[in-house]
Amino acid sequence: MKRILLATILGMFTLGLAAAHAQVRANAIGAKVGLYFDGSKPMIGVNGEIPFTSELDFEPAAELVFGIQNTTLVILDANGRYSFNLQGSEVRPYVLGGLGVGVSFVTVNGTSKSDTDFRLNLGGGMVFNSRSLIQYWAGLKVFVLSKSSDVGLQGGVNFYL
């Protein structure tokens, strides 16, 4: 009888720790892919997630944009993300805003030059709650106040550390 009681208590404790761990907010790193609508330019990148509160995160990111002739475009973002934590929901909508910089490396006739473009990012999307340390997300990012404006459809996966 003592063994059954001990096994039951140990099982409940383990399940309780697993449930509590799923609720804990932690740093994350992940991969993302997307498409910028102006010229249908594909993108790959990495992003991080550093929580400040249960709703507010800092999201640094880096992207490599393809499909621009003779140009390598690297975008670095520093966004804040506010998530709407809906009780019992499998999705968590969010809005984001922040600053970014795009650096274009252009090569024409063997001559290389770079051009820097500062931008303001705005966007939103949703995180799909898998109740594990792996979370999938999708959203739109609009950048404005730059030499050019564009909308990007993005999605990815975050791995919580």
N, C-alpha and C. Protein backbone atom coordinates (compact mmCIF):
# COMPACT_ATOMS: atom_id res chain seq x y z
N MET A 1 0.82 -1.19 0.00
CA MET A 1 0.00 0.00 0.00
C MET A 1 0.87 1.27 0.00
N LYS A 2 1.97 1.23 0.79
CA LYS A 2 2.86 2.38 0.84
C LYS A 2 3.49 2.63 -0.53
N ARG A 3 3.82 1.56 -1.26
CA ARG A 3 4.42 1.72 -2.58
C ARG A 3 3.44 2.37 -3.55
N ILE A 4 2.19 1.96 -3.50
CA ILE A 4 1.18 2.53 -4.39
C ILE A 4 0.99 4.02 -4.06
N LEU A 5 0.91 4.33 -2.78
CA LEU A 5 0.75 5.73 -2.36
C LEU A 5 1.97 6.55 -2.78
N LEU A 6 3.16 6.01 -2.57
CA LEU A 6 4.38 6.72 -2.95
C LEU A 6 4.45 6.90 -4.47
N ALA A 7 4.10 5.88 -5.24
CA ALA A 7 4.10 5.98 -6.70
C ALA A 7 3.07 7.00 -7.17
N THR A 8 1.91 7.04 -6.55
CA THR A 8 0.87 8.02 -6.90
C THR A 8 1.34 9.44 -6.62
N ILE A 9 1.93 9.66 -5.44
CA ILE A 9 2.43 10.99 -5.08
C ILE A 9 3.55 11.40 -6.03
N LEU A 10 4.48 10.49 -6.31
CA LEU A 10 5.58 10.78 -7.23
C LEU A 10 5.06 11.09 -8.63
N GLY A 11 4.07 10.33 -9.10
CA GLY A 11 3.47 10.57 -10.41
C GLY A 11 2.78 11.93 -10.48
N MET A 12 2.03 12.28 -9.43
CA MET A 12 1.35 13.58 -9.40
C MET A 12 2.37 14.71 -9.35
N PHE A 13 3.45 14.54 -8.60
CA PHE A 13 4.50 15.55 -8.52
C PHE A 13 5.16 15.75 -9.88
N THR A 14 5.46 14.65 -10.57
CA THR A 14 6.08 14.71 -11.89
C THR A 14 5.16 15.39 -12.88
N LEU A 15 3.88 15.04 -12.89
CA LEU A 15 2.92 15.68 -13.79
C LEU A 15 2.77 17.16 -13.44
N GLY A 16 2.79 17.48 -12.17
CA GLY A 16 2.69 18.88 -11.74
C GLY A 16 3.90 19.68 -12.21
N LEU A 17 5.10 19.11 -12.12
CA LEU A 17 6.30 19.79 -12.61
C LEU A 17 6.24 19.99 -14.12
N ALA A 18 5.77 18.98 -14.84
CA ALA A 18 5.67 19.11 -16.29
C ALA A 18 4.67 20.19 -16.66
N ALA A 19 3.54 20.25 -15.99
CA ALA A 19 2.54 21.29 -16.27
C ALA A 19 3.07 22.66 -15.91
N ALA A 20 3.76 22.78 -14.79
CA ALA A 20 4.34 24.07 -14.39
C ALA A 20 5.41 24.49 -15.38
N HIS A 21 6.21 23.52 -15.85
CA HIS A 21 7.27 23.85 -16.80
C HIS A 21 6.69 24.38 -18.11
N ALA A 22 5.53 23.83 -18.55
CA ALA A 22 4.90 24.30 -19.77
C ALA A 22 4.41 25.74 -19.62
N GLN A 23 4.15 26.18 -18.39
CA GLN A 23 3.67 27.53 -18.15
C GLN A 23 4.81 28.53 -18.01
N VAL A 24 6.02 28.08 -17.77
CA VAL A 24 7.15 28.97 -17.52
C VAL A 24 7.58 29.64 -18.81
N ARG A 25 7.86 30.92 -18.74
CA ARG A 25 8.37 31.67 -19.88
C ARG A 25 9.89 31.63 -19.82
N ALA A 26 10.51 31.27 -20.94
CA ALA A 26 11.96 31.16 -20.96
C ALA A 26 12.49 31.77 -22.26
N ASN A 27 13.80 31.96 -22.32
CA ASN A 27 14.44 32.41 -23.55
C ASN A 27 14.27 31.36 -24.63
N ALA A 28 14.21 31.82 -25.87
CA ALA A 28 14.05 30.89 -26.98
C ALA A 28 14.89 31.36 -28.16
N ILE A 29 15.20 30.41 -29.03
CA ILE A 29 15.85 30.70 -30.30
C ILE A 29 15.16 29.85 -31.34
N GLY A 30 15.07 30.38 -32.56
CA GLY A 30 14.36 29.62 -33.57
C GLY A 30 14.73 30.04 -34.98
N ALA A 31 14.14 29.33 -35.91
CA ALA A 31 14.34 29.58 -37.33
C ALA A 31 13.05 30.12 -37.92
N LYS A 32 13.20 30.94 -38.98
CA LYS A 32 12.02 31.45 -39.65
C LYS A 32 12.25 31.48 -41.15
N VAL A 33 11.14 31.43 -41.88
CA VAL A 33 11.14 31.56 -43.33
C VAL A 33 10.02 32.52 -43.68
N GLY A 34 10.10 33.10 -44.85
CA GLY A 34 9.05 34.02 -45.22
C GLY A 34 9.16 34.47 -46.66
N LEU A 35 8.26 35.38 -47.00
CA LEU A 35 8.20 35.92 -48.34
C LEU A 35 7.84 37.39 -48.23
N TYR A 36 8.68 38.27 -48.80
CA TYR A 36 8.35 39.68 -48.90
C TYR A 36 7.56 39.87 -50.19
N PHE A 37 6.43 40.57 -50.10
CA PHE A 37 5.50 40.66 -51.22
C PHE A 37 6.03 41.48 -52.39
N ASP A 38 6.80 42.53 -52.14
CA ASP A 38 7.31 43.37 -53.22
C ASP A 38 8.39 42.60 -53.98
N GLY A 39 8.04 42.05 -55.12
CA GLY A 39 8.99 41.28 -55.91
C GLY A 39 9.05 39.81 -55.52
N SER A 40 8.19 39.35 -54.63
CA SER A 40 8.16 37.95 -54.19
C SER A 40 9.54 37.45 -53.79
N LYS A 41 10.14 38.14 -52.83
CA LYS A 41 11.49 37.80 -52.39
C LYS A 41 11.43 36.85 -51.20
N PRO A 42 12.00 35.64 -51.34
CA PRO A 42 12.03 34.71 -50.21
C PRO A 42 13.07 35.12 -49.17
N MET A 43 12.85 34.68 -47.94
CA MET A 43 13.70 35.05 -46.82
C MET A 43 13.88 33.85 -45.90
N ILE A 44 15.07 33.72 -45.31
CA ILE A 44 15.31 32.79 -44.22
C ILE A 44 15.96 33.57 -43.09
N GLY A 45 15.82 33.08 -41.87
CA GLY A 45 16.42 33.83 -40.78
C GLY A 45 16.39 33.08 -39.46
N VAL A 46 16.87 33.77 -38.45
CA VAL A 46 16.85 33.28 -37.08
C VAL A 46 16.25 34.38 -36.20
N ASN A 47 15.62 33.97 -35.13
CA ASN A 47 15.08 34.94 -34.19
C ASN A 47 15.22 34.41 -32.77
N GLY A 48 15.23 35.34 -31.85
CA GLY A 48 15.29 35.01 -30.45
C GLY A 48 14.07 35.54 -29.73
N GLU A 49 13.88 35.10 -28.53
CA GLU A 49 12.78 35.58 -27.70
C GLU A 49 13.28 35.68 -26.27
N ILE A 50 13.23 36.90 -25.74
CA ILE A 50 13.67 37.15 -24.37
C ILE A 50 12.48 37.76 -23.63
N PRO A 51 11.88 37.03 -22.68
CA PRO A 51 10.69 37.55 -22.01
C PRO A 51 11.02 38.59 -20.95
N PHE A 52 10.17 39.63 -20.89
CA PHE A 52 10.21 40.61 -19.81
C PHE A 52 9.08 40.33 -18.82
N THR A 53 7.89 40.08 -19.33
CA THR A 53 6.73 39.70 -18.53
C THR A 53 6.04 38.55 -19.25
N SER A 54 4.93 38.07 -18.75
CA SER A 54 4.23 36.98 -19.42
C SER A 54 3.61 37.42 -20.74
N GLU A 55 3.45 38.74 -20.94
CA GLU A 55 2.89 39.24 -22.19
C GLU A 55 3.91 39.93 -23.09
N LEU A 56 5.00 40.43 -22.55
CA LEU A 56 5.93 41.28 -23.30
C LEU A 56 7.27 40.58 -23.49
N ASP A 57 7.71 40.51 -24.76
CA ASP A 57 8.98 39.87 -25.12
C ASP A 57 9.81 40.80 -25.98
N PHE A 58 11.12 40.66 -25.91
CA PHE A 58 12.05 41.31 -26.82
C PHE A 58 12.45 40.26 -27.84
N GLU A 59 12.38 40.62 -29.13
CA GLU A 59 12.68 39.67 -30.20
C GLU A 59 13.76 40.20 -31.14
N PRO A 60 15.00 39.85 -30.90
CA PRO A 60 16.04 40.17 -31.90
C PRO A 60 15.96 39.15 -33.04
N ALA A 61 16.28 39.59 -34.25
CA ALA A 61 16.20 38.69 -35.40
C ALA A 61 17.19 39.11 -36.48
N ALA A 62 17.54 38.16 -37.32
CA ALA A 62 18.38 38.41 -38.50
C ALA A 62 17.77 37.65 -39.66
N GLU A 63 17.75 38.31 -40.82
CA GLU A 63 17.16 37.70 -42.02
C GLU A 63 18.12 37.85 -43.19
N LEU A 64 18.08 36.89 -44.08
CA LEU A 64 18.80 36.94 -45.34
C LEU A 64 17.76 36.86 -46.45
N VAL A 65 17.67 37.93 -47.26
CA VAL A 65 16.64 38.03 -48.29
C VAL A 65 17.26 37.71 -49.65
N PHE A 66 16.57 36.85 -50.41
CA PHE A 66 17.04 36.41 -51.73
C PHE A 66 16.20 37.07 -52.82
N GLY A 67 16.62 36.89 -54.06
CA GLY A 67 15.81 37.32 -55.20
C GLY A 67 16.04 38.74 -55.66
N ILE A 68 17.11 39.38 -55.20
CA ILE A 68 17.44 40.73 -55.65
C ILE A 68 18.72 40.61 -56.47
N GLN A 69 18.66 41.01 -57.72
CA GLN A 69 19.77 40.83 -58.64
C GLN A 69 21.03 41.54 -58.15
N ASN A 70 22.15 40.82 -58.12
CA ASN A 70 23.47 41.33 -57.73
C ASN A 70 23.52 41.86 -56.30
N THR A 71 22.57 41.48 -55.46
CA THR A 71 22.48 42.05 -54.12
C THR A 71 22.27 40.97 -53.07
N THR A 72 22.98 41.11 -51.98
CA THR A 72 22.74 40.32 -50.78
C THR A 72 22.15 41.28 -49.75
N LEU A 73 20.93 40.99 -49.28
CA LEU A 73 20.27 41.86 -48.31
C LEU A 73 20.20 41.14 -46.97
N VAL A 74 20.76 41.79 -45.95
CA VAL A 74 20.71 41.28 -44.58
C VAL A 74 19.90 42.28 -43.76
N ILE A 75 18.91 41.76 -43.03
CA ILE A 75 18.06 42.61 -42.20
C ILE A 75 18.25 42.20 -40.74
N LEU A 76 18.50 43.18 -39.89
CA LEU A 76 18.61 42.97 -38.45
C LEU A 76 17.46 43.72 -37.78
N ASP A 77 16.69 43.02 -36.95
CA ASP A 77 15.53 43.60 -36.28
C ASP A 77 15.69 43.55 -34.78
N ALA A 78 15.08 44.53 -34.11
CA ALA A 78 14.97 44.55 -32.65
C ALA A 78 13.53 44.95 -32.36
N ASN A 79 12.67 43.95 -32.15
CA ASN A 79 11.24 44.19 -31.97
C ASN A 79 10.79 43.87 -30.56
N GLY A 80 9.77 44.57 -30.13
CA GLY A 80 9.05 44.22 -28.92
C GLY A 80 7.75 43.56 -29.33
N ARG A 81 7.36 42.51 -28.62
CA ARG A 81 6.14 41.78 -28.96
C ARG A 81 5.22 41.72 -27.75
N TYR A 82 3.97 42.12 -27.93
CA TYR A 82 2.98 42.01 -26.87
C TYR A 82 2.02 40.89 -27.25
N SER A 83 1.92 39.86 -26.41
CA SER A 83 1.05 38.72 -26.65
C SER A 83 -0.21 38.84 -25.81
N PHE A 84 -1.33 38.46 -26.40
CA PHE A 84 -2.60 38.43 -25.69
C PHE A 84 -2.81 37.00 -25.20
N ASN A 85 -2.62 36.79 -23.91
CA ASN A 85 -2.74 35.45 -23.34
C ASN A 85 -4.21 35.15 -23.07
N LEU A 86 -4.81 34.36 -23.96
CA LEU A 86 -6.21 33.98 -23.85
C LEU A 86 -6.32 32.69 -23.06
N GLN A 87 -7.05 32.73 -21.98
CA GLN A 87 -7.18 31.58 -21.08
C GLN A 87 -7.73 30.37 -21.83
N GLY A 88 -7.02 29.26 -21.80
CA GLY A 88 -7.48 28.00 -22.38
C GLY A 88 -7.40 27.92 -23.89
N SER A 89 -6.82 28.92 -24.53
CA SER A 89 -6.76 28.94 -25.99
C SER A 89 -5.51 28.23 -26.49
N GLU A 90 -5.61 27.64 -27.65
CA GLU A 90 -4.47 26.98 -28.28
C GLU A 90 -3.62 27.95 -29.11
N VAL A 91 -4.12 29.17 -29.32
CA VAL A 91 -3.36 30.18 -30.05
C VAL A 91 -3.22 31.42 -29.18
N ARG A 92 -2.13 32.12 -29.38
CA ARG A 92 -1.86 33.35 -28.63
C ARG A 92 -1.56 34.46 -29.64
N PRO A 93 -2.54 35.35 -29.93
CA PRO A 93 -2.28 36.44 -30.86
C PRO A 93 -1.28 37.43 -30.29
N TYR A 94 -0.56 38.13 -31.18
CA TYR A 94 0.41 39.12 -30.74
C TYR A 94 0.48 40.28 -31.72
N VAL A 95 0.98 41.40 -31.22
CA VAL A 95 1.33 42.55 -32.05
C VAL A 95 2.80 42.84 -31.78
N LEU A 96 3.48 43.41 -32.76
CA LEU A 96 4.90 43.72 -32.56
C LEU A 96 5.23 45.06 -33.18
N GLY A 97 6.29 45.63 -32.69
CA GLY A 97 6.81 46.88 -33.22
C GLY A 97 8.27 47.01 -32.83
N GLY A 98 9.01 47.68 -33.66
CA GLY A 98 10.42 47.85 -33.33
C GLY A 98 11.19 48.51 -34.45
N LEU A 99 12.48 48.47 -34.29
CA LEU A 99 13.39 49.08 -35.25
C LEU A 99 14.18 48.01 -35.99
N GLY A 100 14.58 48.35 -37.20
CA GLY A 100 15.38 47.42 -37.98
C GLY A 100 16.35 48.18 -38.85
N VAL A 101 17.30 47.44 -39.35
CA VAL A 101 18.26 48.00 -40.30
C VAL A 101 18.48 46.95 -41.39
N GLY A 102 18.42 47.41 -42.63
CA GLY A 102 18.70 46.55 -43.77
C GLY A 102 20.01 46.97 -44.40
N VAL A 103 20.90 46.03 -44.59
CA VAL A 103 22.19 46.33 -45.22
C VAL A 103 22.24 45.55 -46.53
N SER A 104 22.32 46.30 -47.62
CA SER A 104 22.42 45.71 -48.96
C SER A 104 23.87 45.72 -49.41
N PHE A 105 24.34 44.56 -49.81
CA PHE A 105 25.68 44.43 -50.38
C PHE A 105 25.51 44.20 -51.88
N VAL A 106 25.85 45.20 -52.69
CA VAL A 106 25.63 45.18 -54.13
C VAL A 106 26.96 44.98 -54.83
N THR A 107 26.98 44.06 -55.81
CA THR A 107 28.18 43.82 -56.62
C THR A 107 27.81 44.00 -58.08
N VAL A 108 28.45 44.96 -58.72
CA VAL A 108 28.23 45.23 -60.14
C VAL A 108 29.59 45.35 -60.81
N ASN A 109 29.82 44.53 -61.85
CA ASN A 109 31.08 44.54 -62.61
C ASN A 109 32.30 44.43 -61.70
N GLY A 110 32.21 43.57 -60.71
CA GLY A 110 33.33 43.34 -59.82
C GLY A 110 33.51 44.38 -58.73
N THR A 111 32.71 45.43 -58.74
CA THR A 111 32.79 46.47 -57.72
C THR A 111 31.69 46.26 -56.69
N SER A 112 32.07 46.28 -55.43
CA SER A 112 31.10 46.07 -54.35
C SER A 112 30.89 47.35 -53.57
N LYS A 113 29.66 47.55 -53.15
CA LYS A 113 29.34 48.66 -52.26
C LYS A 113 28.20 48.22 -51.34
N SER A 114 28.04 48.94 -50.26
CA SER A 114 26.95 48.61 -49.34
C SER A 114 26.07 49.84 -49.14
N ASP A 115 24.82 49.56 -48.79
CA ASP A 115 23.85 50.61 -48.55
C ASP A 115 23.04 50.23 -47.31
N THR A 116 22.84 51.18 -46.42
CA THR A 116 22.12 50.92 -45.17
C THR A 116 20.76 51.60 -45.22
N ASP A 117 19.74 50.88 -44.75
CA ASP A 117 18.36 51.36 -44.78
C ASP A 117 17.74 51.12 -43.40
N PHE A 118 17.42 52.19 -42.69
CA PHE A 118 16.78 52.06 -41.37
C PHE A 118 15.28 51.98 -41.55
N ARG A 119 14.61 51.24 -40.67
CA ARG A 119 13.18 51.00 -40.83
C ARG A 119 12.46 50.88 -39.50
N LEU A 120 11.16 51.07 -39.57
CA LEU A 120 10.27 50.88 -38.43
C LEU A 120 9.41 49.66 -38.75
N ASN A 121 9.43 48.67 -37.87
CA ASN A 121 8.66 47.45 -38.07
C ASN A 121 7.35 47.51 -37.30
N LEU A 122 6.28 47.06 -37.93
CA LEU A 122 4.98 46.89 -37.30
C LEU A 122 4.43 45.56 -37.77
N GLY A 123 3.65 44.89 -36.95
CA GLY A 123 3.10 43.63 -37.40
C GLY A 123 2.28 42.93 -36.35
N GLY A 124 1.96 41.70 -36.66
CA GLY A 124 1.17 40.88 -35.75
C GLY A 124 1.08 39.46 -36.27
N GLY A 125 0.53 38.60 -35.46
CA GLY A 125 0.38 37.21 -35.84
C GLY A 125 -0.11 36.39 -34.68
N MET A 126 0.25 35.11 -34.70
CA MET A 126 -0.15 34.25 -33.60
C MET A 126 0.86 33.14 -33.37
N VAL A 127 0.95 32.74 -32.12
CA VAL A 127 1.78 31.62 -31.69
C VAL A 127 0.85 30.46 -31.43
N PHE A 128 1.19 29.30 -31.93
CA PHE A 128 0.37 28.10 -31.74
C PHE A 128 0.93 27.32 -30.57
N ASN A 129 0.14 27.18 -29.52
CA ASN A 129 0.58 26.56 -28.28
C ASN A 129 0.61 25.05 -28.43
N SER A 130 1.80 24.49 -28.48
CA SER A 130 1.95 23.04 -28.57
C SER A 130 2.09 22.40 -27.19
N ARG A 131 2.06 23.22 -26.14
CA ARG A 131 2.21 22.78 -24.75
C ARG A 131 3.52 22.01 -24.55
N SER A 132 4.56 22.47 -25.25
CA SER A 132 5.88 21.87 -25.11
C SER A 132 6.91 22.98 -25.22
N LEU A 133 8.16 22.62 -25.28
CA LEU A 133 9.24 23.59 -25.41
C LEU A 133 9.50 23.97 -26.86
N ILE A 134 8.61 23.55 -27.76
CA ILE A 134 8.67 23.92 -29.17
C ILE A 134 7.36 24.63 -29.51
N GLN A 135 7.45 25.86 -30.01
CA GLN A 135 6.26 26.64 -30.34
C GLN A 135 6.36 27.10 -31.80
N TYR A 136 5.28 26.95 -32.54
CA TYR A 136 5.21 27.39 -33.93
C TYR A 136 4.49 28.74 -33.98
N TRP A 137 4.86 29.58 -34.94
CA TRP A 137 4.24 30.90 -35.05
C TRP A 137 4.14 31.31 -36.51
N ALA A 138 3.25 32.26 -36.78
CA ALA A 138 3.08 32.83 -38.12
C ALA A 138 2.60 34.26 -37.96
N GLY A 139 2.99 35.12 -38.90
CA GLY A 139 2.56 36.50 -38.80
C GLY A 139 2.95 37.33 -40.01
N LEU A 140 2.55 38.59 -39.97
CA LEU A 140 2.89 39.58 -40.98
C LEU A 140 3.76 40.65 -40.35
N LYS A 141 4.76 41.11 -41.10
CA LYS A 141 5.59 42.22 -40.65
C LYS A 141 5.60 43.26 -41.76
N VAL A 142 5.28 44.49 -41.38
CA VAL A 142 5.30 45.61 -42.32
C VAL A 142 6.44 46.51 -41.89
N PHE A 143 7.27 46.93 -42.84
CA PHE A 143 8.26 47.94 -42.47
C PHE A 143 8.00 49.21 -43.25
N VAL A 144 8.12 50.32 -42.53
CA VAL A 144 7.81 51.64 -43.09
C VAL A 144 8.93 52.61 -42.72
N LEU A 145 8.80 53.84 -43.19
CA LEU A 145 9.77 54.91 -42.91
C LEU A 145 11.17 54.55 -43.38
N SER A 146 11.25 53.89 -44.50
CA SER A 146 12.55 53.51 -45.05
C SER A 146 12.60 53.93 -46.51
N LYS A 147 13.68 53.64 -47.17
CA LYS A 147 13.79 53.96 -48.59
C LYS A 147 12.75 53.21 -49.41
N SER A 148 12.34 52.06 -48.91
CA SER A 148 11.26 51.30 -49.54
C SER A 148 10.44 50.65 -48.43
N SER A 149 9.19 50.40 -48.72
CA SER A 149 8.31 49.74 -47.75
C SER A 149 7.91 48.40 -48.32
N ASP A 150 7.60 47.46 -47.43
CA ASP A 150 7.21 46.13 -47.88
C ASP A 150 6.45 45.42 -46.76
N VAL A 151 5.79 44.34 -47.13
CA VAL A 151 5.06 43.48 -46.19
C VAL A 151 5.66 42.09 -46.33
N GLY A 152 5.95 41.47 -45.20
CA GLY A 152 6.50 40.12 -45.21
C GLY A 152 5.58 39.15 -44.49
N LEU A 153 5.32 38.03 -45.12
CA LEU A 153 4.60 36.93 -44.50
C LEU A 153 5.67 35.99 -43.95
N GLN A 154 5.63 35.73 -42.64
CA GLN A 154 6.69 34.96 -42.00
C GLN A 154 6.11 33.88 -41.11
N GLY A 155 6.88 32.86 -40.88
CA GLY A 155 6.51 31.81 -39.95
C GLY A 155 7.74 31.08 -39.50
N GLY A 156 7.62 30.37 -38.39
CA GLY A 156 8.78 29.65 -37.91
C GLY A 156 8.50 28.84 -36.68
N VAL A 157 9.58 28.45 -36.04
CA VAL A 157 9.50 27.63 -34.86
C VAL A 157 10.51 28.17 -33.84
N ASN A 158 10.10 28.22 -32.58
CA ASN A 158 10.99 28.64 -31.49
C ASN A 158 11.24 27.44 -30.59
N PHE A 159 12.48 27.31 -30.16
CA PHE A 159 12.89 26.26 -29.24
C PHE A 159 13.24 26.93 -27.92
N TYR A 160 12.50 26.61 -26.86
CA TYR A 160 12.70 27.25 -25.56
C TYR A 160 13.82 26.55 -24.81
N LEU A 161 14.71 27.36 -24.24
CA LEU A 161 15.90 26.84 -23.56
C LEU A 161 15.63 26.58 -22.10
